[in-house]
Protein backbone atom coordinates (compact mmCIF):
# COMPACT_ATOMS: atom_id res chain seq x y z
CA MET A 1 1.94 9.37 -19.34
CA ARG A 2 5.42 10.95 -18.97
CA LYS A 3 4.33 12.35 -15.59
CA MET A 4 3.17 8.91 -14.48
CA VAL A 5 6.48 7.33 -15.51
CA MET A 6 8.36 9.94 -13.44
CA TRP A 7 6.12 9.38 -10.38
CA THR A 8 6.47 5.62 -10.64
CA ALA A 9 10.24 5.89 -10.94
CA ILE A 10 10.44 8.06 -7.81
CA ALA A 11 8.15 5.72 -5.86
CA LEU A 12 10.11 2.59 -6.80
CA SER A 13 13.63 4.00 -6.56
CA GLY A 14 13.97 3.74 -2.79
CA ILE A 15 14.67 6.46 -0.25
CA ALA A 16 17.39 8.42 -2.02
CA ALA A 17 16.10 11.00 -4.52
CA PRO A 18 18.01 11.68 -7.75
CA PRO A 19 20.86 14.17 -7.15
CA LEU A 20 19.28 16.99 -9.16
CA LEU A 21 15.98 16.67 -7.29
CA ALA A 22 17.55 16.55 -3.83
CA GLN A 23 18.89 20.12 -3.73
CA GLY A 24 16.80 22.23 -1.36
CA LEU A 25 13.12 21.62 -0.65
CA ILE A 26 10.69 20.22 -3.21
CA VAL A 27 6.92 20.28 -2.73
CA SER A 28 5.08 17.61 -4.69
CA GLY A 29 1.91 15.61 -4.23
CA TYR A 30 -1.23 14.19 -5.76
CA ALA A 31 -4.99 14.60 -5.52
CA SER A 32 -8.08 12.69 -6.60
CA GLU A 33 -11.85 13.05 -6.69
CA GLU A 34 -14.34 10.25 -7.26
CA LEU A 35 -17.94 9.77 -8.22
CA GLU A 36 -19.28 6.40 -7.10
CA VAL A 37 -22.61 5.14 -8.40
CA SER A 38 -23.92 2.18 -6.42
CA LEU A 39 -26.02 -0.22 -8.48
CA THR A 40 -27.73 -1.73 -5.44
CA LYS A 41 -31.34 -0.58 -5.07
CA PRO A 42 -32.03 2.01 -3.84
CA ARG A 43 -29.18 3.43 -5.90
CA ALA A 44 -26.87 6.02 -4.37
CA ASN A 45 -24.57 8.54 -6.06
CA THR A 46 -21.70 9.96 -4.02
CA PHE A 47 -18.94 12.49 -4.75
CA ASP A 48 -15.80 12.17 -2.64
CA ALA A 49 -12.82 14.54 -2.61
CA GLN A 50 -10.81 11.48 -1.73
CA ASN A 51 -7.44 13.06 -1.05
CA PHE A 52 -5.22 16.07 -1.51
CA ASN A 53 -1.77 15.06 -0.33
CA LEU A 54 1.29 17.29 -0.08
CA ILE A 55 4.74 15.69 -0.17
CA PHE A 56 7.86 17.51 1.01
CA LEU A 57 11.29 16.28 -0.09
CA GLY A 58 14.69 17.75 0.66
CA GLN A 59 18.38 17.28 1.26
CA LEU A 60 19.23 18.75 4.65
CA GLY A 61 22.96 18.62 4.08
CA GLY A 62 25.56 16.08 3.10
CA ASP A 63 23.90 12.70 2.86
CA VAL A 64 20.93 13.43 5.12
CA PHE A 65 17.63 13.36 3.26
CA ALA A 66 14.16 14.18 4.62
CA ALA A 67 10.64 13.38 3.42
CA ALA A 68 7.16 14.01 4.77
CA GLU A 69 3.56 13.75 3.58
CA ILE A 70 0.45 15.51 4.88
CA GLU A 71 -2.85 14.07 3.68
CA TYR A 72 -6.26 15.70 3.53
CA GLU A 73 -8.86 13.03 2.87
CA HIS A 74 -12.59 13.11 2.13
CA GLY A 75 -12.82 16.86 1.71
CA GLY A 76 -10.73 17.55 4.80
CA GLU A 77 -12.76 15.30 7.11
CA GLU A 78 -9.57 13.38 7.86
CA ILE A 79 -6.20 15.13 8.19
CA ALA A 80 -3.19 12.94 8.92
CA PHE A 81 0.59 12.94 9.05
CA GLU A 82 1.18 10.07 6.62
CA TYR A 83 4.93 9.89 7.18
CA GLY A 84 7.93 11.97 8.14
CA TYR A 85 11.43 10.58 8.33
CA LEU A 86 15.13 11.30 8.02
CA ALA A 87 17.39 9.07 5.93
CA PHE A 88 21.15 8.74 5.75
CA THR A 89 21.81 7.85 2.12
CA ARG A 90 25.58 7.74 1.71
CA TRP A 91 25.75 3.98 1.14
CA PRO A 92 23.49 2.57 -1.62
CA PHE A 93 23.73 -0.84 0.03
CA ALA A 94 22.52 0.48 3.42
CA ASN A 95 20.24 3.52 3.67
CA ILE A 96 19.33 4.19 7.32
CA VAL A 97 15.82 5.57 7.91
CA ALA A 98 14.40 6.86 11.20
CA GLY A 99 11.02 8.39 11.98
CA LYS A 100 7.54 7.52 10.76
CA PHE A 101 7.58 5.71 7.41
CA LEU A 102 5.23 3.59 5.32
CA VAL A 103 6.06 -0.01 6.17
CA PRO A 104 7.39 -1.65 2.97
CA PHE A 105 5.57 -4.96 3.39
CA GLY A 106 4.95 -6.07 -0.20
CA ARG A 107 4.80 -3.28 -2.77
CA PHE A 108 1.32 -1.77 -2.61
CA ASN A 109 1.42 -0.20 0.87
CA ALA A 110 4.57 1.86 0.47
CA ASP A 111 4.95 2.37 -3.28
CA LEU A 112 1.77 1.83 -5.29
CA HIS A 113 -1.28 3.05 -3.35
CA PRO A 114 -1.25 6.77 -4.39
CA ALA A 115 -4.15 7.33 -6.80
CA TRP A 116 -1.86 8.80 -9.45
CA ILE A 117 0.30 5.66 -9.56
CA ASN A 118 -2.41 3.07 -8.91
CA ARG A 119 -3.93 1.99 -12.25
CA VAL A 120 -7.23 0.90 -10.63
CA PRO A 121 -9.29 3.10 -8.25
CA GLY A 122 -9.26 1.95 -4.65
CA ARG A 123 -7.17 -0.62 -2.87
CA PRO A 124 -7.18 -4.41 -3.32
CA LEU A 125 -9.16 -6.24 -0.64
CA PRO A 126 -6.15 -7.77 1.18
CA ASN A 127 -4.55 -4.33 1.38
CA ASP A 128 -7.63 -3.14 3.21
CA ALA A 129 -8.19 -5.97 5.68
CA ILE A 130 -4.89 -7.83 6.17
CA LEU A 131 -1.95 -5.46 5.64
CA PRO A 132 -3.92 -2.20 5.53
CA VAL A 133 -2.88 0.49 3.06
CA GLY A 134 -1.54 3.59 4.71
CA TYR A 135 0.18 1.58 7.44
CA GLY A 136 2.86 3.97 8.62
CA ASP A 137 4.77 3.29 11.81
CA VAL A 138 7.47 4.85 13.98
CA GLY A 139 10.83 3.14 14.15
CA VAL A 140 14.09 2.49 12.34
CA MET A 141 14.68 0.82 8.98
CA VAL A 142 17.74 -0.22 6.99
CA ARG A 143 17.29 -0.78 3.28
CA GLY A 144 19.54 -1.20 0.28
CA ALA A 145 20.48 -3.16 -2.83
CA ALA A 146 23.32 -5.27 -4.18
CA ALA A 147 24.10 -5.98 -7.83
CA ALA A 148 23.61 -9.51 -9.14
CA GLY A 149 25.64 -9.07 -12.31
CA ALA A 150 23.79 -8.57 -15.57
CA ALA A 151 20.73 -10.41 -14.20
CA GLY A 152 19.56 -7.56 -11.96
CA ARG A 153 19.88 -6.72 -8.26
CA PHE A 154 18.85 -7.96 -4.85
CA THR A 155 17.00 -5.58 -2.52
CA TYR A 156 16.21 -5.69 1.16
CA ASP A 157 14.24 -3.74 3.77
CA VAL A 158 14.58 -4.58 7.47
CA TRP A 159 12.66 -2.63 10.10
CA GLY A 160 11.83 -2.43 13.78
CA VAL A 161 8.69 -0.42 14.64
CA ASN A 162 6.17 0.11 17.45
CA GLY A 163 3.90 -2.34 15.65
CA LEU A 164 0.18 -2.89 15.14
CA ALA A 165 -1.92 -2.82 18.31
CA GLY A 166 -5.57 -3.53 19.15
CA ASP A 167 -8.07 -5.65 21.04
CA PRO A 168 -8.01 -9.47 21.04
CA GLY A 169 -9.23 -10.76 17.67
CA ALA A 170 -9.88 -7.25 16.35
CA GLY A 171 -9.66 -6.25 12.68
CA ILE A 172 -6.10 -5.47 11.62
CA ARG A 173 -7.06 -2.27 9.80
CA GLY A 174 -8.00 -0.64 13.12
CA MET A 175 -4.56 -1.39 14.59
CA ARG A 176 -2.59 1.12 12.51
CA ASP A 177 -2.47 4.10 14.89
CA ASN A 178 0.06 2.78 17.40
CA VAL A 179 2.53 5.63 16.77
CA VAL A 180 2.87 6.08 20.54
CA ASP A 181 3.52 2.49 21.60
CA VAL A 182 0.74 1.34 23.93
CA ASP A 183 2.11 -2.13 24.63
CA ASN A 184 5.85 -1.35 24.86
CA LYS A 185 6.58 -4.18 22.44
CA ILE A 186 8.61 -3.70 19.25
CA ALA A 187 7.53 -5.48 16.06
CA LEU A 188 10.08 -6.65 13.48
CA GLY A 189 9.74 -7.10 9.75
CA ALA A 190 11.63 -7.54 6.51
CA ARG A 191 11.19 -7.73 2.75
CA LEU A 192 13.72 -9.46 0.52
CA GLY A 193 13.38 -8.89 -3.20
CA PHE A 194 14.97 -9.35 -6.60
CA VAL A 195 14.65 -6.91 -9.50
CA ALA A 196 15.53 -8.55 -12.81
CA ALA A 197 16.88 -6.71 -15.83
CA LEU A 198 14.15 -8.31 -17.96
CA GLY A 199 11.32 -6.51 -16.14
CA PHE A 200 10.56 -8.98 -13.33
CA ASP A 201 10.34 -7.89 -9.70
CA ALA A 202 9.58 -10.33 -6.90
CA GLY A 203 9.80 -10.31 -3.13
CA ALA A 204 8.84 -11.98 0.14
CA SER A 205 7.79 -10.07 3.27
CA LEU A 206 7.43 -10.98 6.94
CA TYR A 207 5.95 -9.06 9.90
CA ASN A 208 5.92 -10.35 13.49
CA GLY A 209 4.94 -8.66 16.74
CA VAL A 210 2.70 -8.54 19.80
CA TYR A 211 -0.54 -6.71 19.01
CA CYS A 212 -2.24 -7.12 22.39
CA ASP A 213 -0.36 -7.59 25.67
CA SER A 214 -1.53 -8.89 29.03
CA ALA A 215 -2.85 -5.46 30.01
CA CYS A 216 -5.41 -5.46 27.18
CA SER A 217 -6.29 -9.17 27.06
CA GLY A 218 -6.04 -10.18 30.70
CA SER A 219 -3.89 -13.13 29.62
CA GLU A 220 -0.63 -13.82 27.82
CA ASN A 221 0.70 -11.65 25.00
CA LEU A 222 -1.17 -12.12 21.72
CA ASN A 223 0.96 -12.25 18.59
CA LEU A 224 0.34 -11.27 14.95
CA ARG A 225 2.39 -12.78 12.14
CA ILE A 226 1.92 -11.77 8.49
CA LEU A 227 3.63 -13.43 5.53
CA GLY A 228 3.47 -11.99 2.02
CA LEU A 229 4.67 -12.67 -1.52
CA ASP A 230 4.62 -10.14 -4.36
CA ALA A 231 5.63 -10.16 -8.00
CA SER A 232 5.35 -7.94 -11.05
CA TYR A 233 6.33 -7.90 -14.71
CA ARG A 234 6.60 -4.77 -16.80
CA ARG A 235 7.57 -4.63 -20.45
CA GLY A 236 6.65 -1.79 -22.76
CA PRO A 237 2.92 -0.97 -22.42
CA LEU A 238 2.20 -4.16 -20.42
CA GLU A 239 2.19 -4.37 -16.63
CA VAL A 240 1.11 -7.36 -14.55
CA ARG A 241 1.41 -7.51 -10.75
CA GLY A 242 0.02 -9.32 -7.76
CA GLU A 243 0.38 -9.98 -4.05
CA TRP A 244 -0.58 -12.75 -1.66
CA MET A 245 -0.60 -12.45 2.13
CA SER A 246 -1.64 -14.48 5.12
CA ALA A 247 -2.00 -13.40 8.75
CA GLN A 248 -1.93 -15.66 11.82
CA GLN A 249 -3.59 -13.75 14.66
CA ASP A 250 -3.69 -15.06 18.23
CA THR A 251 -6.90 -14.52 20.17
CA ALA A 252 -7.51 -14.84 23.89
CA ALA A 253 -10.44 -17.26 23.71
CA THR A 254 -10.60 -19.13 20.42
CA GLY A 255 -6.97 -19.69 19.44
CA ASP A 256 -5.45 -18.58 16.17
CA VAL A 257 -7.42 -16.83 13.44
CA THR A 258 -6.09 -17.13 9.88
CA LYS A 259 -6.77 -14.33 7.42
CA SER A 260 -5.54 -14.62 3.85
CA GLY A 261 -5.99 -12.78 0.58
CA LEU A 262 -4.55 -12.00 -2.80
CA TYR A 263 -4.89 -9.72 -5.80
CA VAL A 264 -3.81 -9.92 -9.44
CA GLN A 265 -3.84 -6.85 -11.65
CA GLY A 266 -2.99 -6.20 -15.28
CA SER A 267 -2.92 -3.15 -17.54
CA TYR A 268 -1.96 -2.46 -21.14
CA ALA A 269 -1.56 0.96 -22.73
CA ILE A 270 -3.07 0.48 -26.18
CA MET A 271 -1.98 4.06 -26.96
CA PRO A 272 -0.28 6.80 -24.90
CA THR A 273 -3.63 8.21 -23.76
CA VAL A 274 -5.70 5.03 -23.25
CA GLU A 275 -4.91 2.21 -20.80
CA PRO A 276 -7.39 -0.58 -19.99
CA ALA A 277 -6.87 -2.45 -16.70
CA VAL A 278 -8.43 -5.23 -14.66
CA ARG A 279 -7.95 -6.35 -11.05
CA PHE A 280 -9.16 -9.43 -9.18
CA SER A 281 -8.88 -9.46 -5.38
CA GLN A 282 -10.27 -11.57 -2.57
CA VAL A 283 -9.94 -12.19 1.16
CA SER A 284 -10.82 -15.28 3.17
CA PHE A 285 -11.44 -15.32 6.93
CA PRO A 286 -12.17 -18.98 7.81
CA GLY A 287 -14.54 -19.26 10.77
CA VAL A 288 -15.46 -15.57 10.62
CA ALA A 289 -17.89 -15.81 7.67
CA ASP A 290 -16.62 -12.63 6.05
CA ASP A 291 -15.12 -13.74 2.74
CA ARG A 292 -15.14 -11.17 -0.04
CA ARG A 293 -14.28 -11.02 -3.73
CA ARG A 294 -14.06 -8.11 -6.16
CA ILE A 295 -13.41 -7.72 -9.88
CA SER A 296 -12.61 -4.21 -11.12
CA LEU A 297 -12.38 -3.54 -14.84
CA GLY A 298 -12.20 -0.36 -16.83
CA LEU A 299 -9.76 2.06 -18.41
CA SER A 300 -7.70 5.14 -17.75
CA LEU A 301 -7.62 8.18 -20.03
CA TYR A 302 -4.66 10.56 -19.88
CA PRO A 303 -5.69 14.02 -21.12
CA SER A 304 -2.28 15.39 -20.10
CA ASP A 305 1.01 14.29 -18.58
CA ALA A 306 -0.27 15.37 -15.15
CA ALA A 307 -3.82 13.99 -15.08
CA ALA A 308 -5.80 10.77 -15.44
CA VAL A 309 -9.49 9.98 -15.69
CA ARG A 310 -10.34 6.42 -14.65
CA ILE A 311 -13.71 4.79 -15.38
CA PHE A 312 -14.22 1.41 -13.68
CA TYR A 313 -16.95 -1.10 -12.93
CA ASN A 314 -16.69 -3.03 -9.63
CA ILE A 315 -18.28 -6.44 -9.24
CA ASN A 316 -18.50 -7.24 -5.53
CA LYS A 317 -19.35 -10.54 -3.85
CA HIS A 318 -19.73 -11.19 -0.13
CA PHE A 319 -19.89 -14.69 1.30
CA GLY A 320 -21.34 -15.15 4.78
CA SER A 321 -22.19 -18.55 6.28
CA GLY A 322 -21.96 -20.07 2.82
CA VAL A 323 -24.65 -17.79 1.36
CA THR A 324 -23.93 -15.16 -1.30
CA ASP A 325 -25.25 -11.74 -0.29
CA PRO A 326 -27.01 -9.49 -2.84
CA LYS A 327 -24.82 -7.63 -5.30
CA ASP A 328 -23.51 -4.20 -4.40
CA ASP A 329 -21.78 -3.51 -7.70
CA SER A 330 -20.73 0.05 -8.47
CA ILE A 331 -19.31 2.35 -11.13
CA ILE A 332 -16.43 4.62 -10.16
CA VAL A 333 -15.26 7.64 -12.12
CA GLN A 334 -12.02 9.02 -10.73
CA PHE A 335 -10.09 12.15 -11.65
CA THR A 336 -6.53 12.24 -10.32
CA VAL A 337 -3.50 14.49 -10.79
CA GLY A 338 0.15 14.28 -9.81
CA PHE A 339 2.16 17.43 -9.33
């Protein structure tokens, strides 16, 4: 559990690393392996070396800080450059970041999705289909914080990036790889938040940009706007968090498509080595007949400060044309380490 607390603190502290950790180059990372047992007949059992990610952190000199992550997913089937950026960290109220970074829309995408930090295996449904986890983009970001007296502090992240790009009406998850801008249109976004001294953390996020220009649609530019709200409360062994997001996506033929979703998650460490958790998530795509709902419940066991074993049961529901599809529930056993 001490290792998890350290990892969570680093993930939530912003760009600047603590002074003692920022001297020279540090190699860190996390890894996870899963066994998924599908309960739909015929049943299927699958092992997945889900990820082995290496993180490089360092202070290049003065107030210039660098970070990068290389990810090996699914036994090496997918190898990706998750992020790599430079940050000027002299002013706590205005860190300047340039390069490829995880877009800090909400909290899950940039801070909470690593398996070692995430209390529940897998990603919530809206972080798969609306603001997809692992959305890293190339651009510039300014982020910082300002004290609000004894009550806490205000935080902000403002960014300009190449933006999501894809075909008219396409799924947002497939739009993430626009690192070399194909539409020559910059997307803008921001998150404004408040971190209270009593354990509350809340924020609002906005993303806006062209995802398909006239060259790909044969008509006017098509826009994508995503609005999100997030909140969490942490006190002692209790943690509760959730996010809501809604996307307005222009299409060439049928007008706007609205995609919305939310998740709520809670965990409670009943002892240092045992932590039950539950997550509810859902997405709704009106007019597309692809609504989904999932309940994940289980517990995490911590055999050491550097490892966790998570055992969870997923209850999945799919709603198409008003008819509930057959269950495809599953059991997931995950082993994850942070180093």
